Amino acid sequence: MQKQKRDRVERDGVVLTGAMFRCTGKCGRLKPGSEFGLRSVDGTVRNQSQCATCRASRVARNARRAA
């Protein structure tokens, strides 16, 4: 079985392939690392704690509150 391109995420030389994480956001689902993304914090590469879908819904909710 061929791995999908979405199963791989890379940032500053750190590569996650096939890594699965549980979302700490609203959905709480187990998803591939590519759904979370990586960020650099003080030179340390870490994964986002919420999946892209939960982060996007939070941003939209905050924008509605600010309006």
C-alpha atoms as a PDB file:
ATOM      1  CA  MET A   1       0.000   0.000   0.000  1.00  0.00           C
ATOM      2  CA  GLN A   2       1.409   3.376  -1.012  1.00  0.00           C
ATOM      3  CA  LYS A   3       1.495   6.103   1.645  1.00  0.00           C
ATOM      4  CA  GLN A   4      -0.406   9.232   0.811  1.00  0.00           C
ATOM      5  CA  LYS A   5       1.454  12.522   0.595  1.00  0.00           C
ATOM      6  CA  ARG A   6      -0.736  13.853   3.439  1.00  0.00           C
ATOM      7  CA  ASP A   7       0.843  11.274   5.803  1.00  0.00           C
ATOM      8  CA  ARG A   8       4.071  13.277   5.764  1.00  0.00           C
ATOM      9  CA  VAL A   9       4.772  16.645   7.374  1.00  0.00           C
ATOM     10  CA  GLU A  10       8.148  18.405   7.533  1.00  0.00           C
ATOM     11  CA  ARG A  11       9.454  21.477   9.375  1.00  0.00           C
ATOM     12  CA  ASP A  12      13.060  22.595   9.986  1.00  0.00           C
ATOM     13  CA  GLY A  13      14.482  19.176   9.154  1.00  0.00           C
ATOM     14  CA  VAL A  14      12.019  17.239  11.345  1.00  0.00           C
ATOM     15  CA  VAL A  15       9.891  14.781   9.373  1.00  0.00           C
ATOM     16  CA  LEU A  16       6.817  13.003  10.741  1.00  0.00           C
ATOM     17  CA  THR A  17       5.681  10.087   8.617  1.00  0.00           C
ATOM     18  CA  GLY A  18       2.681   8.056   9.684  1.00  0.00           C
ATOM     19  CA  ALA A  19       2.484   9.784  13.096  1.00  0.00           C
ATOM     20  CA  MET A  20      -0.985   9.893  14.664  1.00  0.00           C
ATOM     21  CA  PHE A  21      -2.132  12.400  17.302  1.00  0.00           C
ATOM     22  CA  ARG A  22      -5.349  12.916  19.262  1.00  0.00           C
ATOM     23  CA  CYS A  23      -6.874  16.366  18.808  1.00  0.00           C
ATOM     24  CA  THR A  24      -7.281  18.370  22.026  1.00  0.00           C
ATOM     25  CA  GLY A  25      -9.925  20.527  20.323  1.00  0.00           C
ATOM     26  CA  LYS A  26     -13.617  20.016  19.914  1.00  0.00           C
ATOM     27  CA  CYS A  27     -13.463  16.838  17.776  1.00  0.00           C
ATOM     28  CA  GLY A  28     -11.070  14.804  19.985  1.00  0.00           C
ATOM     29  CA  ARG A  29     -10.327  12.422  17.084  1.00  0.00           C
ATOM     30  CA  LEU A  30      -7.161  10.494  16.327  1.00  0.00           C
ATOM     31  CA  LYS A  31      -5.744  11.959  13.090  1.00  0.00           C
ATOM     32  CA  PRO A  32      -2.505  11.836  11.062  1.00  0.00           C
ATOM     33  CA  GLY A  33       0.219  14.334  11.928  1.00  0.00           C
ATOM     34  CA  SER A  34      -0.335  16.191   8.669  1.00  0.00           C
ATOM     35  CA  GLU A  35      -3.718  17.365  10.003  1.00  0.00           C
ATOM     36  CA  PHE A  36      -1.966  19.214  12.837  1.00  0.00           C
ATOM     37  CA  GLY A  37       1.113  20.828  11.333  1.00  0.00           C
ATOM     38  CA  LEU A  38       4.383  21.652  13.041  1.00  0.00           C
ATOM     39  CA  ARG A  39       5.568  24.897  14.618  1.00  0.00           C
ATOM     40  CA  SER A  40       8.903  26.149  15.910  1.00  0.00           C
ATOM     41  CA  VAL A  41       8.977  27.307  19.528  1.00  0.00           C
ATOM     42  CA  ASP A  42      12.295  28.668  20.802  1.00  0.00           C
ATOM     43  CA  GLY A  43      14.191  26.456  18.356  1.00  0.00           C
ATOM     44  CA  THR A  44      12.209  23.326  19.291  1.00  0.00           C
ATOM     45  CA  VAL A  45       9.874  21.822  16.687  1.00  0.00           C
ATOM     46  CA  ARG A  46       6.514  20.802  18.154  1.00  0.00           C
ATOM     47  CA  ASN A  47       3.201  19.674  16.739  1.00  0.00           C
ATOM     48  CA  GLN A  48       0.059  21.819  16.987  1.00  0.00           C
ATOM     49  CA  SER A  49      -2.278  20.543  19.715  1.00  0.00           C
ATOM     50  CA  GLN A  50      -5.449  21.006  17.667  1.00  0.00           C
ATOM     51  CA  CYS A  51      -6.178  19.735  14.170  1.00  0.00           C
ATOM     52  CA  ALA A  52      -6.570  22.214  11.309  1.00  0.00           C
ATOM     53  CA  THR A  53     -10.377  21.852  11.322  1.00  0.00           C
ATOM     54  CA  CYS A  54     -10.695  22.702  15.036  1.00  0.00           C
ATOM     55  CA  ARG A  55      -8.240  25.615  14.712  1.00  0.00           C
ATOM     56  CA  ALA A  56     -10.158  27.017  11.733  1.00  0.00           C
ATOM     57  CA  SER A  57     -13.505  26.801  13.543  1.00  0.00           C
ATOM     58  CA  ARG A  58     -12.001  28.528  16.604  1.00  0.00           C
ATOM     59  CA  VAL A  59     -10.625  31.379  14.451  1.00  0.00           C
ATOM     60  CA  ALA A  60     -14.024  31.826  12.759  1.00  0.00           C
ATOM     61  CA  ARG A  61     -15.819  31.800  16.127  1.00  0.00           C
ATOM     62  CA  ASN A  62     -13.445  34.454  17.536  1.00  0.00           C
ATOM     63  CA  ALA A  63     -13.909  36.619  14.437  1.00  0.00           C
ATOM     64  CA  ARG A  64     -17.700  36.513  14.867  1.00  0.00           C
ATOM     65  CA  ARG A  65     -17.352  37.540  18.527  1.00  0.00           C
ATOM     66  CA  ALA A  66     -15.103  40.483  17.615  1.00  0.00           C
ATOM     67  CA  ALA A  67     -17.539  41.786  14.968  1.00  0.00           C
END
